[in-house]
PDB file of all heavy atoms in Angstrom:
ATOM      1  N   PRO A   1       0.829  -1.202   0.000  1.00  0.00           N
ATOM      2  CA  PRO A   1       0.000   0.000   0.000  1.00  0.00           C
ATOM      3  C   PRO A   1       0.868   1.258   0.000  1.00  0.00           C
ATOM      4  O   PRO A   1       2.049   1.197   0.368  1.00  0.00           O
ATOM      5  CB  PRO A   1      -0.786  -0.111   1.305  1.00  0.00           C
ATOM      6  CG  PRO A   1       0.117  -0.883   2.212  1.00  0.00           C
ATOM      7  CD  PRO A   1       0.855  -1.840   1.321  1.00  0.00           C
ATOM      8  N   PRO A   2       0.312   2.412  -0.379  1.00  0.00           N
ATOM      9  CA  PRO A   2       1.110   3.642  -0.470  1.00  0.00           C
ATOM     10  C   PRO A   2       1.457   4.258   0.880  1.00  0.00           C
ATOM     11  O   PRO A   2       2.257   5.185   0.939  1.00  0.00           O
ATOM     12  CB  PRO A   2       0.225   4.584  -1.293  1.00  0.00           C
ATOM     13  CG  PRO A   2      -1.155   4.069  -1.109  1.00  0.00           C
ATOM     14  CD  PRO A   2      -1.046   2.583  -0.895  1.00  0.00           C
ATOM     15  N   ARG A   3       0.861   3.769   1.976  1.00  0.00           N
ATOM     16  CA  ARG A   3       1.186   4.272   3.316  1.00  0.00           C
ATOM     17  C   ARG A   3       0.975   3.144   4.322  1.00  0.00           C
ATOM     18  O   ARG A   3       0.220   2.222   4.056  1.00  0.00           O
ATOM     19  CB  ARG A   3       0.330   5.489   3.683  1.00  0.00           C
ATOM     20  CG  ARG A   3      -1.120   5.214   3.846  1.00  0.00           C
ATOM     21  CD  ARG A   3      -1.952   6.472   3.999  1.00  0.00           C
ATOM     22  NE  ARG A   3      -1.818   7.407   2.919  1.00  0.00           N
ATOM     23  CZ  ARG A   3      -2.481   7.343   1.764  1.00  0.00           C
ATOM     24  NH1 ARG A   3      -3.330   6.357   1.558  1.00  0.00           N
ATOM     25  NH2 ARG A   3      -2.303   8.229   0.828  1.00  0.00           N
ATOM     26  N   VAL A   4       1.643   3.248   5.479  1.00  0.00           N
ATOM     27  CA  VAL A   4       1.531   2.223   6.518  1.00  0.00           C
ATOM     28  C   VAL A   4       0.970   2.870   7.773  1.00  0.00           C
ATOM     29  O   VAL A   4       1.524   3.843   8.273  1.00  0.00           O
ATOM     30  CB  VAL A   4       2.913   1.584   6.823  1.00  0.00           C
ATOM     31  CG1 VAL A   4       2.807   0.610   7.981  1.00  0.00           C
ATOM     32  CG2 VAL A   4       3.462   0.897   5.601  1.00  0.00           C
ATOM     33  N   MET A   5      -0.154   2.331   8.238  1.00  0.00           N
ATOM     34  CA  MET A   5      -0.783   2.787   9.472  1.00  0.00           C
ATOM     35  C   MET A   5      -0.781   1.608  10.450  1.00  0.00           C
ATOM     36  O   MET A   5      -1.532   0.650  10.252  1.00  0.00           O
ATOM     37  CB  MET A   5      -2.212   3.246   9.208  1.00  0.00           C
ATOM     38  CG  MET A   5      -2.336   4.296   8.125  1.00  0.00           C
ATOM     39  SD  MET A   5      -1.610   5.845   8.609  1.00  0.00           S
ATOM     40  CE  MET A   5      -3.044   6.759   9.006  1.00  0.00           C
ATOM     41  N   PHE A   6       0.062   1.678  11.462  1.00  0.00           N
ATOM     42  CA  PHE A   6       0.154   0.574  12.418  1.00  0.00           C
ATOM     43  C   PHE A   6      -0.991   0.593  13.430  1.00  0.00           C
ATOM     44  O   PHE A   6      -1.320  -0.429  14.009  1.00  0.00           O
ATOM     45  CB  PHE A   6       1.491   0.620  13.162  1.00  0.00           C
ATOM     46  CG  PHE A   6       2.617  -0.026  12.416  1.00  0.00           C
ATOM     47  CD1 PHE A   6       3.559   0.740  11.764  1.00  0.00           C
ATOM     48  CD2 PHE A   6       2.737  -1.401  12.362  1.00  0.00           C
ATOM     49  CE1 PHE A   6       4.604   0.143  11.077  1.00  0.00           C
ATOM     50  CE2 PHE A   6       3.777  -2.003  11.686  1.00  0.00           C
ATOM     51  CZ  PHE A   6       4.711  -1.223  11.036  1.00  0.00           C
ATOM     52  N   GLY A   7      -1.575   1.743  13.687  1.00  0.00           N
ATOM     53  CA  GLY A   7      -2.641   1.835  14.685  1.00  0.00           C
ATOM     54  C   GLY A   7      -2.058   2.020  16.076  1.00  0.00           C
ATOM     55  O   GLY A   7      -0.999   2.614  16.255  1.00  0.00           O
ATOM     56  N   VAL A   8      -2.725   1.480  17.100  1.00  0.00           N
ATOM     57  CA  VAL A   8      -2.274   1.605  18.484  1.00  0.00           C
ATOM     58  C   VAL A   8      -1.397   0.409  18.827  1.00  0.00           C
ATOM     59  O   VAL A   8      -1.800  -0.738  18.655  1.00  0.00           O
ATOM     60  CB  VAL A   8      -3.476   1.695  19.450  1.00  0.00           C
ATOM     61  CG1 VAL A   8      -2.991   1.808  20.881  1.00  0.00           C
ATOM     62  CG2 VAL A   8      -4.348   2.883  19.093  1.00  0.00           C
ATOM     63  N   LEU A   9      -0.176   0.694  19.304  1.00  0.00           N
ATOM     64  CA  LEU A   9       0.801  -0.349  19.618  1.00  0.00           C
ATOM     65  C   LEU A   9       1.119  -0.338  21.107  1.00  0.00           C
ATOM     66  O   LEU A   9       1.082   0.707  21.750  1.00  0.00           O
ATOM     67  CB  LEU A   9       2.092  -0.126  18.823  1.00  0.00           C
ATOM     68  CG  LEU A   9       1.950   0.088  17.319  1.00  0.00           C
ATOM     69  CD1 LEU A   9       3.313   0.338  16.709  1.00  0.00           C
ATOM     70  CD2 LEU A   9       1.280  -1.095  16.672  1.00  0.00           C
ATOM     71  N   LYS A  10       1.470  -1.499  21.632  1.00  0.00           N
ATOM     72  CA  LYS A  10       1.861  -1.621  23.041  1.00  0.00           C
ATOM     73  C   LYS A  10       3.351  -1.322  23.168  1.00  0.00           C
ATOM     74  O   LYS A  10       4.172  -1.849  22.398  1.00  0.00           O
ATOM     75  CB  LYS A  10       1.562  -3.034  23.531  1.00  0.00           C
ATOM     76  CG  LYS A  10       1.901  -3.262  24.980  1.00  0.00           C
ATOM     77  CD  LYS A  10       1.577  -4.684  25.379  1.00  0.00           C
ATOM     78  CE  LYS A  10       2.038  -4.928  26.798  1.00  0.00           C
ATOM     79  NZ  LYS A  10       1.856  -6.325  27.183  1.00  0.00           N
ATOM     80  N   GLU A  11       3.701  -0.496  24.129  1.00  0.00           N
ATOM     81  CA  GLU A  11       5.098  -0.115  24.333  1.00  0.00           C
ATOM     82  C   GLU A  11       5.949  -1.342  24.681  1.00  0.00           C
ATOM     83  O   GLU A  11       5.544  -2.203  25.442  1.00  0.00           O
ATOM     84  CB  GLU A  11       5.201   0.915  25.457  1.00  0.00           C
ATOM     85  CG  GLU A  11       6.611   1.414  25.668  1.00  0.00           C
ATOM     86  CD  GLU A  11       6.696   2.439  26.798  1.00  0.00           C
ATOM     87  OE1 GLU A  11       5.714   2.621  27.525  1.00  0.00           O
ATOM     88  OE2 GLU A  11       7.776   3.028  26.939  1.00  0.00           O
ATOM     89  N   GLY A  12       7.133  -1.426  24.052  1.00  0.00           N
ATOM     90  CA  GLY A  12       8.059  -2.522  24.321  1.00  0.00           C
ATOM     91  C   GLY A  12       7.897  -3.708  23.388  1.00  0.00           C
ATOM     92  O   GLY A  12       8.642  -4.678  23.485  1.00  0.00           O
ATOM     93  N   CYS A  13       6.938  -3.673  22.476  1.00  0.00           N
ATOM     94  CA  CYS A  13       6.707  -4.783  21.541  1.00  0.00           C
ATOM     95  C   CYS A  13       7.201  -4.409  20.140  1.00  0.00           C
ATOM     96  O   CYS A  13       7.324  -3.233  19.809  1.00  0.00           O
ATOM     97  CB  CYS A  13       5.229  -5.145  21.480  1.00  0.00           C
ATOM     98  SG  CYS A  13       4.582  -5.773  23.032  1.00  0.00           S
ATOM     99  N   THR A  14       7.473  -5.433  19.344  1.00  0.00           N
ATOM    100  CA  THR A  14       7.914  -5.235  17.963  1.00  0.00           C
ATOM    101  C   THR A  14       6.807  -5.678  17.022  1.00  0.00           C
ATOM    102  O   THR A  14       6.222  -6.744  17.197  1.00  0.00           O
ATOM    103  CB  THR A  14       9.193  -6.047  17.683  1.00  0.00           C
ATOM    104  OG1 THR A  14      10.199  -5.629  18.601  1.00  0.00           O
ATOM    105  CG2 THR A  14       9.687  -5.823  16.272  1.00  0.00           C
ATOM    106  N   TYR A  15       6.544  -4.863  16.017  1.00  0.00           N
ATOM    107  CA  TYR A  15       5.499  -5.141  15.031  1.00  0.00           C
ATOM    108  C   TYR A  15       6.113  -5.080  13.630  1.00  0.00           C
ATOM    109  O   TYR A  15       7.006  -4.274  13.380  1.00  0.00           O
ATOM    110  CB  TYR A  15       4.362  -4.122  15.139  1.00  0.00           C
ATOM    111  CG  TYR A  15       3.687  -4.134  16.484  1.00  0.00           C
ATOM    112  CD1 TYR A  15       4.195  -3.384  17.542  1.00  0.00           C
ATOM    113  CD2 TYR A  15       2.555  -4.898  16.698  1.00  0.00           C
ATOM    114  CE1 TYR A  15       3.578  -3.397  18.788  1.00  0.00           C
ATOM    115  CE2 TYR A  15       1.927  -4.916  17.940  1.00  0.00           C
ATOM    116  CZ  TYR A  15       2.452  -4.163  18.982  1.00  0.00           C
ATOM    117  OH  TYR A  15       1.838  -4.187  20.204  1.00  0.00           O
ATOM    118  N   VAL A  16       5.621  -5.933  12.734  1.00  0.00           N
ATOM    119  CA  VAL A  16       6.155  -6.004  11.375  1.00  0.00           C
ATOM    120  C   VAL A  16       4.996  -6.030  10.380  1.00  0.00           C
ATOM    121  O   VAL A  16       3.982  -6.688  10.615  1.00  0.00           O
ATOM    122  CB  VAL A  16       7.021  -7.275  11.174  1.00  0.00           C
ATOM    123  CG1 VAL A  16       7.536  -7.362   9.744  1.00  0.00           C
ATOM    124  CG2 VAL A  16       8.170  -7.304  12.143  1.00  0.00           C
ATOM    125  N   THR A  17       5.163  -5.315   9.273  1.00  0.00           N
ATOM    126  CA  THR A  17       4.225  -5.386   8.166  1.00  0.00           C
ATOM    127  C   THR A  17       5.018  -5.395   6.865  1.00  0.00           C
ATOM    128  O   THR A  17       6.190  -5.019   6.850  1.00  0.00           O
ATOM    129  CB  THR A  17       3.209  -4.224   8.190  1.00  0.00           C
ATOM    130  OG1 THR A  17       2.198  -4.473   7.219  1.00  0.00           O
ATOM    131  CG2 THR A  17       3.878  -2.898   7.882  1.00  0.00           C
ATOM    132  N   THR A  18       4.392  -5.839   5.787  1.00  0.00           N
ATOM    133  CA  THR A  18       5.061  -5.951   4.495  1.00  0.00           C
ATOM    134  C   THR A  18       4.468  -4.963   3.508  1.00  0.00           C
ATOM    135  O   THR A  18       3.254  -4.816   3.421  1.00  0.00           O
ATOM    136  CB  THR A  18       4.919  -7.385   3.943  1.00  0.00           C
ATOM    137  OG1 THR A  18       5.468  -8.295   4.897  1.00  0.00           O
ATOM    138  CG2 THR A  18       5.652  -7.545   2.637  1.00  0.00           C
ATOM    139  N   VAL A  19       5.352  -4.285   2.773  1.00  0.00           N
ATOM    140  CA  VAL A  19       4.967  -3.381   1.704  1.00  0.00           C
ATOM    141  C   VAL A  19       5.591  -3.914   0.424  1.00  0.00           C
ATOM    142  O   VAL A  19       6.737  -4.367   0.421  1.00  0.00           O
ATOM    143  CB  VAL A  19       5.455  -1.941   1.985  1.00  0.00           C
ATOM    144  CG1 VAL A  19       5.174  -1.020   0.809  1.00  0.00           C
ATOM    145  CG2 VAL A  19       4.805  -1.400   3.239  1.00  0.00           C
ATOM    146  N   ILE A  20       4.846  -3.881  -0.678  1.00  0.00           N
ATOM    147  CA  ILE A  20       5.349  -4.372  -1.963  1.00  0.00           C
ATOM    148  C   ILE A  20       5.804  -3.193  -2.799  1.00  0.00           C
ATOM    149  O   ILE A  20       5.085  -2.198  -2.942  1.00  0.00           O
ATOM    150  CB  ILE A  20       4.252  -5.172  -2.693  1.00  0.00           C
ATOM    151  CG1 ILE A  20       3.940  -6.437  -1.905  1.00  0.00           C
ATOM    152  CG2 ILE A  20       4.670  -5.495  -4.118  1.00  0.00           C
ATOM    153  CD1 ILE A  20       2.770  -7.222  -2.432  1.00  0.00           C
ATOM    154  N   LEU A  21       7.014  -3.290  -3.335  1.00  0.00           N
ATOM    155  CA  LEU A  21       7.563  -2.296  -4.252  1.00  0.00           C
ATOM    156  C   LEU A  21       7.577  -2.940  -5.629  1.00  0.00           C
ATOM    157  O   LEU A  21       8.356  -3.860  -5.875  1.00  0.00           O
ATOM    158  CB  LEU A  21       8.975  -1.897  -3.817  1.00  0.00           C
ATOM    159  CG  LEU A  21       9.643  -0.798  -4.606  1.00  0.00           C
ATOM    160  CD1 LEU A  21       8.924   0.530  -4.409  1.00  0.00           C
ATOM    161  CD2 LEU A  21      11.093  -0.656  -4.185  1.00  0.00           C
ATOM    162  N   LYS A  22       6.683  -2.491  -6.507  1.00  0.00           N
ATOM    163  CA  LYS A  22       6.508  -3.125  -7.815  1.00  0.00           C
ATOM    164  C   LYS A  22       7.096  -2.245  -8.909  1.00  0.00           C
ATOM    165  O   LYS A  22       6.824  -1.052  -8.974  1.00  0.00           O
ATOM    166  CB  LYS A  22       5.026  -3.371  -8.086  1.00  0.00           C
ATOM    167  CG  LYS A  22       4.770  -4.102  -9.377  1.00  0.00           C
ATOM    168  CD  LYS A  22       3.343  -4.542  -9.505  1.00  0.00           C
ATOM    169  CE  LYS A  22       3.191  -5.374 -10.755  1.00  0.00           C
ATOM    170  NZ  LYS A  22       1.884  -5.959 -10.870  1.00  0.00           N
ATOM    171  N   ASN A  23       7.880  -2.852  -9.808  1.00  0.00           N
ATOM    172  CA  ASN A  23       8.446  -2.149 -10.954  1.00  0.00           C
ATOM    173  C   ASN A  23       7.387  -2.115 -12.052  1.00  0.00           C
ATOM    174  O   ASN A  23       7.061  -3.137 -12.645  1.00  0.00           O
ATOM    175  CB  ASN A  23       9.712  -2.857 -11.443  1.00  0.00           C
ATOM    176  CG  ASN A  23      10.391  -2.120 -12.575  1.00  0.00           C
ATOM    177  OD1 ASN A  23       9.891  -1.128 -13.083  1.00  0.00           O
ATOM    178  ND2 ASN A  23      11.546  -2.609 -12.975  1.00  0.00           N
ATOM    179  N   VAL A  24       6.849  -0.945 -12.330  1.00  0.00           N
ATOM    180  CA  VAL A  24       5.804  -0.796 -13.341  1.00  0.00           C
ATOM    181  C   VAL A  24       6.357  -0.275 -14.659  1.00  0.00           C
ATOM    182  O   VAL A  24       5.595   0.044 -15.569  1.00  0.00           O
ATOM    183  CB  VAL A  24       4.668   0.126 -12.839  1.00  0.00           C
ATOM    184  CG1 VAL A  24       3.940  -0.518 -11.685  1.00  0.00           C
ATOM    185  CG2 VAL A  24       5.206   1.488 -12.460  1.00  0.00           C
ATOM    186  N   GLY A  25       7.674  -0.199 -14.769  1.00  0.00           N
ATOM    187  CA  GLY A  25       8.291   0.266 -16.003  1.00  0.00           C
ATOM    188  C   GLY A  25       8.545  -0.869 -16.977  1.00  0.00           C
ATOM    189  O   GLY A  25       8.128  -2.011 -16.767  1.00  0.00           O
ATOM    190  N   VAL A  26       9.237  -0.554 -18.076  1.00  0.00           N
ATOM    191  CA  VAL A  26       9.556  -1.552 -19.094  1.00  0.00           C
ATOM    192  C   VAL A  26      11.019  -1.978 -19.020  1.00  0.00           C
ATOM    193  O   VAL A  26      11.444  -2.850 -19.763  1.00  0.00           O
ATOM    194  CB  VAL A  26       9.238  -1.029 -20.514  1.00  0.00           C
ATOM    195  CG1 VAL A  26       7.753  -0.820 -20.672  1.00  0.00           C
ATOM    196  CG2 VAL A  26       9.995   0.244 -20.808  1.00  0.00           C
ATOM    197  N   ASN A  27      11.803  -1.378 -18.144  1.00  0.00           N
ATOM    198  CA  ASN A  27      13.216  -1.719 -17.975  1.00  0.00           C
ATOM    199  C   ASN A  27      13.443  -2.215 -16.553  1.00  0.00           C
ATOM    200  O   ASN A  27      12.653  -1.934 -15.659  1.00  0.00           O
ATOM    201  CB  ASN A  27      14.102  -0.492 -18.198  1.00  0.00           C
ATOM    202  CG  ASN A  27      13.903   0.126 -19.554  1.00  0.00           C
ATOM    203  OD1 ASN A  27      13.755  -0.581 -20.544  1.00  0.00           O
ATOM    204  ND2 ASN A  27      13.870   1.440 -19.598  1.00  0.00           N
ATOM    205  N   PHE A  28      14.562  -2.917 -16.350  1.00  0.00           N
ATOM    206  CA  PHE A  28      14.900  -3.263 -14.981  1.00  0.00           C
ATOM    207  C   PHE A  28      15.364  -1.988 -14.292  1.00  0.00           C
ATOM    208  O   PHE A  28      15.904  -1.086 -14.913  1.00  0.00           O
ATOM    209  CB  PHE A  28      15.953  -4.375 -14.916  1.00  0.00           C
ATOM    210  CG  PHE A  28      17.315  -3.987 -15.403  1.00  0.00           C
ATOM    211  CD1 PHE A  28      18.224  -3.385 -14.551  1.00  0.00           C
ATOM    212  CD2 PHE A  28      17.691  -4.214 -16.717  1.00  0.00           C
ATOM    213  CE1 PHE A  28      19.481  -3.024 -14.989  1.00  0.00           C
ATOM    214  CE2 PHE A  28      18.948  -3.854 -17.162  1.00  0.00           C
ATOM    215  CZ  PHE A  28      19.838  -3.263 -16.303  1.00  0.00           C
ATOM    216  N   SER A  29      15.104  -1.899 -12.999  1.00  0.00           N
ATOM    217  CA  SER A  29      15.465  -0.710 -12.234  1.00  0.00           C
ATOM    218  C   SER A  29      16.045  -1.117 -10.892  1.00  0.00           C
ATOM    219  O   SER A  29      15.768  -2.195 -10.384  1.00  0.00           O
ATOM    220  CB  SER A  29      14.239   0.175 -11.995  1.00  0.00           C
ATOM    221  OG  SER A  29      13.766   0.694 -13.200  1.00  0.00           O
ATOM    222  N   ARG A  30      16.817  -0.225 -10.340  1.00  0.00           N
ATOM    223  CA  ARG A  30      17.430  -0.443  -9.025  1.00  0.00           C
ATOM    224  C   ARG A  30      16.832   0.543  -8.032  1.00  0.00           C
ATOM    225  O   ARG A  30      16.320   1.588  -8.406  1.00  0.00           O
ATOM    226  CB  ARG A  30      18.938  -0.236  -9.095  1.00  0.00           C
ATOM    227  CG  ARG A  30      19.628  -1.224  -9.995  1.00  0.00           C
ATOM    228  CD  ARG A  30      21.133  -0.949 -10.025  1.00  0.00           C
ATOM    229  NE  ARG A  30      21.790  -1.804 -10.984  1.00  0.00           N
ATOM    230  CZ  ARG A  30      22.186  -3.041 -10.732  1.00  0.00           C
ATOM    231  NH1 ARG A  30      22.014  -3.547  -9.543  1.00  0.00           N
ATOM    232  NH2 ARG A  30      22.769  -3.761 -11.662  1.00  0.00           N
TER     233      ARG A  30
END
């Protein structure tokens, strides 16, 4: 998604989410 909203988190804990970076061009890119 274009933004990440974690919401309400508990202090001292670790949270992870995944974002996809998609190449929409016609060439390979870095």
